Amino acid sequence: MSNWEVPREIRLRVLVTVLAMLPGLIGLASAAAPPIDKHYYLPDAAASNIVSVAKTGNPEAEVIVLTEAVAIKETGPKETIATFGEVYAFSPTFIAIRREVPTMLTFWNLQPDDEHDFMLAAPDSTVLMHLKLEPLTKTSYIFTFHKDGIFNFYCAVHQPEMNGQILVLPPTSTK
């Protein structure tokens, strides 16, 4: 498997998530008040042992993650769009972060008409969180990883190409 292929477990989790969303989406048309979208969430208590995520705090570092349109129907080559559909990517696709260092990740969704999302998976492929990235918005969260390892992230809407990795390294030695 190459670094850019999405593991089968993640594809299955995304499929299960999408199928679980269908009844709620169908019910939206008849609902009087919009329901709270429980498909997007921050790490729960168990996942917070691996990574803590907060809207506010004192980050020691910041990484800006852009959504990029690689090939879109409005401007992309017709042959590419016909063969692959629209293609998007995160930039950067690889981020290195130190464990226990609060790091702000700011997501810039640069597309005016395309929604993206951000799913973070633990090294064992467990989905830890799922954020919605609205068109033309900046969304910031402070991440503090408590475990070392490689954490994959995805846009579930634009698979298999829109993904990346966060490498969490041990803290620097203070000796």
Protein backbone atom coordinates (compact mmCIF):
# COMPACT_ATOMS: atom_id res chain seq x y z
CA MET A 1 0.00 0.00 0.00
CA SER A 2 1.37 3.44 -0.90
CA ASN A 3 1.28 6.40 1.51
CA TRP A 4 -1.63 7.87 -0.47
CA GLU A 5 -4.00 4.90 -0.34
CA VAL A 6 -6.70 4.98 2.28
CA PRO A 7 -6.66 1.84 4.45
CA ARG A 8 -9.65 -0.45 3.97
CA GLU A 9 -10.70 0.04 7.61
CA ILE A 10 -10.98 3.81 7.11
CA ARG A 11 -12.94 3.42 3.86
CA LEU A 12 -15.35 1.12 5.71
CA ARG A 13 -15.67 3.56 8.62
CA VAL A 14 -16.41 6.40 6.20
CA LEU A 15 -19.03 4.26 4.45
CA VAL A 16 -20.64 3.34 7.78
CA THR A 17 -20.64 7.03 8.79
CA VAL A 18 -22.29 8.06 5.52
CA LEU A 19 -24.91 5.30 5.80
CA ALA A 20 -25.62 6.31 9.38
CA MET A 21 -26.17 9.90 8.21
CA LEU A 22 -28.85 9.01 5.66
CA PRO A 23 -31.85 8.78 8.03
CA GLY A 24 -30.92 12.14 9.54
CA LEU A 25 -30.53 13.75 6.14
CA ILE A 26 -33.91 12.44 5.01
CA GLY A 27 -35.51 13.72 8.22
CA LEU A 28 -34.06 17.21 7.76
CA ALA A 29 -36.64 18.11 5.14
CA SER A 30 -39.53 17.56 7.52
CA ALA A 31 -37.95 18.78 10.76
CA ALA A 32 -39.27 22.03 12.25
CA ALA A 33 -35.94 22.94 13.85
CA PRO A 34 -32.57 21.86 12.50
CA PRO A 35 -31.09 19.04 14.59
CA ILE A 36 -27.61 19.16 16.05
CA ASP A 37 -25.26 17.46 13.62
CA LYS A 38 -23.71 14.66 15.66
CA HIS A 39 -21.65 13.45 12.71
CA TYR A 40 -19.04 16.10 13.46
CA TYR A 41 -17.34 15.81 16.82
CA LEU A 42 -14.20 16.47 18.82
CA PRO A 43 -12.35 13.67 20.63
CA ASP A 44 -14.40 12.02 23.38
CA ALA A 45 -12.97 11.17 26.82
CA ALA A 46 -11.17 8.04 25.59
CA ALA A 47 -9.78 9.74 22.48
CA SER A 48 -8.62 12.70 24.61
CA ASN A 49 -6.03 10.37 26.15
CA ILE A 50 -4.47 10.31 22.67
CA VAL A 51 -5.15 13.90 21.52
CA SER A 52 -6.81 16.87 23.22
CA VAL A 53 -8.52 19.40 20.97
CA ALA A 54 -9.78 22.83 22.07
CA LYS A 55 -11.03 26.03 20.43
CA THR A 56 -9.04 28.26 22.79
CA GLY A 57 -5.76 28.09 24.63
CA ASN A 58 -2.13 29.07 24.28
CA PRO A 59 -0.59 27.31 21.28
CA GLU A 60 3.20 27.11 21.03
CA ALA A 61 3.09 26.54 17.26
CA GLU A 62 0.71 26.95 14.33
CA VAL A 63 0.25 25.12 11.06
CA ILE A 64 -2.05 26.40 8.31
CA VAL A 65 -3.68 23.64 6.28
CA LEU A 66 -5.18 24.70 2.95
CA THR A 67 -7.74 22.91 0.83
CA GLU A 68 -6.57 22.98 -2.77
CA ALA A 69 -8.52 22.42 -5.95
CA VAL A 70 -6.30 20.24 -8.12
CA ALA A 71 -8.82 19.64 -10.92
CA ILE A 72 -12.35 21.05 -10.75
CA LYS A 73 -15.19 21.06 -13.26
CA GLU A 74 -15.06 24.84 -13.79
CA THR A 75 -11.38 25.04 -14.78
CA GLY A 76 -9.87 21.54 -14.90
CA PRO A 77 -9.02 19.58 -18.04
CA LYS A 78 -12.19 17.89 -19.33
CA GLU A 79 -10.38 14.56 -19.77
CA THR A 80 -9.16 14.62 -16.18
CA ILE A 81 -12.59 15.49 -14.79
CA ALA A 82 -14.22 12.78 -16.95
CA THR A 83 -11.73 10.15 -15.75
CA PHE A 84 -11.25 11.09 -12.08
CA GLY A 85 -13.99 13.58 -11.21
CA GLU A 86 -13.05 16.65 -9.22
CA VAL A 87 -9.76 16.30 -7.35
CA TYR A 88 -8.88 18.18 -4.16
CA ALA A 89 -5.94 18.00 -1.76
CA PHE A 90 -4.82 19.22 1.65
CA SER A 91 -1.63 21.29 1.71
CA PRO A 92 0.58 20.40 3.43
CA THR A 93 -0.06 16.67 3.37
CA PHE A 94 2.58 15.97 6.00
CA ILE A 95 2.89 17.72 9.36
CA ALA A 96 5.39 17.01 12.16
CA ILE A 97 4.35 17.96 15.70
CA ARG A 98 5.96 17.35 19.10
CA ARG A 99 4.03 15.39 21.70
CA GLU A 100 2.61 17.59 24.51
CA VAL A 101 3.18 20.81 22.50
CA PRO A 102 -0.13 22.66 21.94
CA THR A 103 -0.28 23.32 18.21
CA MET A 104 -2.95 25.34 16.45
CA LEU A 105 -4.11 23.82 13.18
CA THR A 106 -5.95 26.40 11.09
CA PHE A 107 -7.87 24.97 8.14
CA TRP A 108 -8.53 27.35 5.24
CA ASN A 109 -11.26 26.03 2.95
CA LEU A 110 -10.47 28.06 -0.16
CA GLN A 111 -13.35 26.75 -2.29
CA PRO A 112 -16.42 29.00 -2.55
CA ASP A 113 -18.83 26.16 -3.37
CA ASP A 114 -17.30 23.00 -1.90
CA GLU A 115 -17.56 21.78 1.65
CA HIS A 116 -14.73 19.67 3.03
CA ASP A 117 -14.22 17.86 6.30
CA PHE A 118 -11.31 16.71 8.46
CA MET A 119 -11.27 13.25 10.00
CA LEU A 120 -8.33 12.38 12.26
CA ALA A 121 -7.48 8.71 12.79
CA ALA A 122 -5.22 7.19 15.45
CA PRO A 123 -2.35 4.89 14.44
CA ASP A 124 -4.73 1.93 14.91
CA SER A 125 -7.20 3.59 12.43
CA THR A 126 -9.73 4.55 15.13
CA VAL A 127 -11.44 7.80 14.10
CA LEU A 128 -10.74 10.33 16.86
CA MET A 129 -12.62 13.36 15.55
CA HIS A 130 -14.53 14.72 12.56
CA LEU A 131 -14.78 18.45 11.70
CA LYS A 132 -16.84 20.24 9.07
CA LEU A 133 -14.94 22.77 6.95
CA GLU A 134 -17.46 25.18 5.44
CA PRO A 135 -16.72 26.91 2.10
CA LEU A 136 -14.55 30.05 2.34
CA THR A 137 -13.90 29.71 6.08
CA LYS A 138 -10.98 29.44 8.45
CA THR A 139 -11.46 26.87 11.20
CA SER A 140 -8.91 26.72 14.03
CA TYR A 141 -8.38 24.21 16.82
CA ILE A 142 -5.50 23.66 19.24
CA PHE A 143 -4.27 20.07 19.15
CA THR A 144 -2.17 18.55 21.93
CA PHE A 145 -1.09 15.02 21.12
CA HIS A 146 -0.37 12.74 24.09
CA LYS A 147 0.92 9.74 22.09
CA ASP A 148 3.70 9.44 19.51
CA GLY A 149 3.02 7.96 16.10
CA ILE A 150 1.60 8.58 12.66
CA PHE A 151 -1.94 9.94 12.58
CA ASN A 152 -3.72 9.90 9.22
CA PHE A 153 -6.22 12.58 8.29
CA TYR A 154 -8.82 12.62 5.52
CA CYS A 155 -11.55 14.58 3.85
CA ALA A 156 -14.23 11.87 3.78
CA VAL A 157 -16.04 13.71 0.98
CA HIS A 158 -13.08 13.65 -1.43
CA GLN A 159 -11.42 10.26 -1.18
CA PRO A 160 -9.03 8.75 -2.01
CA GLU A 161 -6.86 11.74 -2.86
CA MET A 162 -7.57 14.27 -0.09
CA ASN A 163 -5.56 13.01 2.86
CA GLY A 164 -2.36 13.46 4.81
CA GLN A 165 -0.38 12.46 7.88
CA ILE A 166 0.63 14.01 11.18
CA LEU A 167 3.84 12.62 12.65
CA VAL A 168 3.88 13.08 16.41
CA LEU A 169 7.44 13.05 17.74
CA PRO A 170 8.64 12.73 21.35
CA PRO A 171 9.23 16.00 23.19
CA THR A 172 12.64 17.59 22.76
CA SER A 173 15.13 16.76 25.48
CA THR A 174 15.67 19.50 28.05
CA LYS A 175 19.02 18.09 29.24
